[in-house]
Amino acid sequence: MKLKLLLSCLVIFTSCKDVTKAKESDNNAITFGNLVDLSKLEKATMYNNSGKFELTAAQIGKLKKELSGMEYEKSISVKLGTIYVELIIDGKKCGITSGTHADYIEVHKNSLTITKGLPESRGWLYFKTNGVNFDNYKPKN
């Protein structure tokens, strides 16, 4: 009986420890906002199914919020390319490739503005879109 109780406590303790580790690793996730200084975003041009157009200040604000939380995914490589977003950040061009209803965005490491904590990569980095559909951006007149 005591052995069963001891084993149960051990299982519960181990489970709690694993949950804590998972939460810590989630908090330490590298995001697009960690690697690109979106506060210096000057201009954004969208190329999607609605054509090519400049984003308004309100759209840029929304885009900053959406991009900043996208988490880096180190173990994926996908072919993207139907949607392109050109960002001008502190005078430097940053190109983002994605697709309609895509799960990821692709950005070259040379486009990054912050290199502290830069993950090892073969050149291209992928970030989860968290359900963002870049095709929902439309030209505003």
Protein backbone atom coordinates (compact mmCIF):
# COMPACT_ATOMS: atom_id res chain seq x y z
CA MET A 1 0.00 0.00 0.00
CA LYS A 2 2.79 2.41 0.94
CA LEU A 3 4.63 1.49 -2.24
CA LYS A 4 1.55 2.35 -4.35
CA LEU A 5 1.20 5.68 -2.55
CA LEU A 6 4.88 6.44 -3.07
CA LEU A 7 4.68 5.58 -6.78
CA SER A 8 1.56 7.72 -7.19
CA CYS A 9 3.27 10.70 -5.56
CA LEU A 10 6.31 10.19 -7.78
CA VAL A 11 4.17 10.12 -10.92
CA ILE A 12 2.32 13.29 -9.88
CA PHE A 13 5.58 15.08 -9.00
CA THR A 14 7.16 14.11 -12.34
CA SER A 15 4.08 15.25 -14.25
CA CYS A 16 4.06 18.62 -12.49
CA LYS A 17 7.75 19.08 -13.22
CA ASP A 18 7.19 18.40 -16.95
CA VAL A 19 4.32 20.92 -17.10
CA THR A 20 6.57 23.56 -15.52
CA LYS A 21 9.29 22.88 -18.11
CA ALA A 22 6.76 23.16 -20.94
CA LYS A 23 5.54 26.53 -19.65
CA GLU A 24 9.12 27.79 -19.32
CA SER A 25 9.96 26.74 -22.88
CA ASP A 26 6.80 28.45 -24.20
CA ASN A 27 7.81 31.68 -22.44
CA ASN A 28 11.27 31.45 -23.99
CA ALA A 29 9.98 31.07 -27.54
CA ILE A 30 11.70 33.21 -30.14
CA THR A 31 9.20 35.41 -31.94
CA PHE A 32 9.37 37.56 -35.05
CA GLY A 33 9.15 40.57 -32.74
CA ASN A 34 12.30 39.36 -30.93
CA LEU A 35 14.28 39.45 -34.17
CA VAL A 36 12.75 42.39 -36.04
CA ASP A 37 12.39 45.83 -34.44
CA LEU A 38 8.82 46.51 -35.51
CA SER A 39 8.78 49.83 -33.64
CA LYS A 40 10.94 51.21 -36.48
CA LEU A 41 8.56 50.02 -39.22
CA GLU A 42 8.25 52.94 -41.65
CA LYS A 43 6.29 51.48 -44.55
CA ALA A 44 4.64 48.24 -45.63
CA THR A 45 3.66 47.14 -49.13
CA MET A 46 1.35 44.15 -49.56
CA TYR A 47 1.33 41.91 -52.63
CA ASN A 48 -1.66 39.58 -52.34
CA ASN A 49 -4.75 38.53 -54.32
CA SER A 50 -6.00 42.16 -54.15
CA GLY A 51 -2.87 43.36 -55.97
CA LYS A 52 -0.02 45.58 -54.81
CA PHE A 53 -0.81 48.35 -52.34
CA GLU A 54 0.61 50.36 -49.45
CA LEU A 55 -0.80 49.64 -46.01
CA THR A 56 -2.43 52.46 -44.08
CA ALA A 57 -1.23 53.47 -40.62
CA ALA A 58 -4.07 51.46 -39.05
CA GLN A 59 -3.21 48.39 -41.14
CA ILE A 60 0.47 48.74 -40.21
CA GLY A 61 -0.51 48.82 -36.53
CA LYS A 62 -2.51 45.62 -36.96
CA LEU A 63 0.31 43.99 -38.94
CA LYS A 64 2.87 44.87 -36.23
CA LYS A 65 0.70 43.21 -33.60
CA GLU A 66 0.16 40.10 -35.72
CA LEU A 67 3.81 39.71 -36.72
CA SER A 68 5.30 40.40 -33.30
CA GLY A 69 3.86 37.25 -31.69
CA MET A 70 4.62 34.80 -34.49
CA GLU A 71 6.85 32.07 -33.04
CA TYR A 72 9.99 30.79 -34.72
CA GLU A 73 9.78 27.19 -35.89
CA LYS A 74 13.26 25.72 -36.25
CA SER A 75 12.35 22.29 -37.54
CA ILE A 76 10.39 23.18 -40.65
CA SER A 77 11.08 24.13 -44.23
CA VAL A 78 8.15 24.87 -46.52
CA LYS A 79 7.62 26.35 -49.96
CA LEU A 80 5.71 29.61 -49.78
CA GLY A 81 5.30 32.44 -52.18
CA THR A 82 1.80 33.50 -53.22
CA ILE A 83 1.78 36.48 -50.84
CA TYR A 84 4.66 38.89 -50.28
CA VAL A 85 4.95 41.69 -47.73
CA GLU A 86 7.73 44.24 -48.07
CA LEU A 87 8.55 46.05 -44.86
CA ILE A 88 10.85 49.07 -44.65
CA ILE A 89 12.32 49.10 -41.15
CA ASP A 90 14.79 51.82 -40.26
CA GLY A 91 15.59 52.21 -43.98
CA LYS A 92 16.21 48.48 -44.51
CA LYS A 93 14.02 46.19 -46.61
CA CYS A 94 12.56 43.09 -44.95
CA GLY A 95 10.67 40.70 -47.20
CA ILE A 96 8.13 38.23 -45.87
CA THR A 97 6.69 35.43 -47.96
CA SER A 98 3.54 33.53 -47.07
CA GLY A 99 0.42 32.15 -48.71
CA THR A 100 -3.34 32.40 -48.43
CA HIS A 101 -4.32 30.39 -45.32
CA ALA A 102 -0.64 29.44 -44.84
CA ASP A 103 0.56 28.20 -41.47
CA TYR A 104 3.96 29.90 -41.75
CA ILE A 105 5.79 32.96 -42.97
CA GLU A 106 9.28 32.80 -44.41
CA VAL A 107 11.94 35.48 -43.93
CA HIS A 108 15.64 35.50 -44.79
CA LYS A 109 17.98 36.02 -41.86
CA ASN A 110 19.55 39.02 -43.65
CA SER A 111 16.21 40.81 -43.20
CA LEU A 112 16.40 40.63 -39.42
CA THR A 113 17.14 43.84 -37.53
CA ILE A 114 18.04 42.23 -34.20
CA THR A 115 20.68 39.51 -34.19
CA LYS A 116 20.91 38.86 -30.43
CA GLY A 117 19.50 35.41 -29.87
CA LEU A 118 19.50 34.69 -33.59
CA PRO A 119 18.76 31.02 -34.12
CA GLU A 120 21.13 28.93 -36.22
CA SER A 121 19.71 28.70 -39.70
CA ARG A 122 20.60 27.89 -43.25
CA GLY A 123 19.39 31.32 -44.31
CA TRP A 124 15.61 31.12 -44.17
CA LEU A 125 13.59 31.29 -40.98
CA TYR A 126 9.97 30.19 -40.55
CA PHE A 127 7.42 31.57 -38.10
CA LYS A 128 3.94 30.24 -37.27
CA THR A 129 1.20 32.59 -38.55
CA ASN A 130 -1.21 31.78 -35.70
CA GLY A 131 -4.05 31.81 -38.23
CA VAL A 132 -3.25 35.21 -39.78
CA ASN A 133 -4.41 35.35 -43.40
CA PHE A 134 -2.48 38.06 -45.24
CA ASP A 135 -5.01 37.92 -48.05
CA ASN A 136 -7.48 39.64 -45.72
CA TYR A 137 -5.54 42.90 -46.12
CA LYS A 138 -7.28 45.05 -48.76
CA PRO A 139 -6.37 48.37 -50.36
CA LYS A 140 -7.92 51.41 -48.63
CA ASN A 141 -8.75 54.56 -50.56
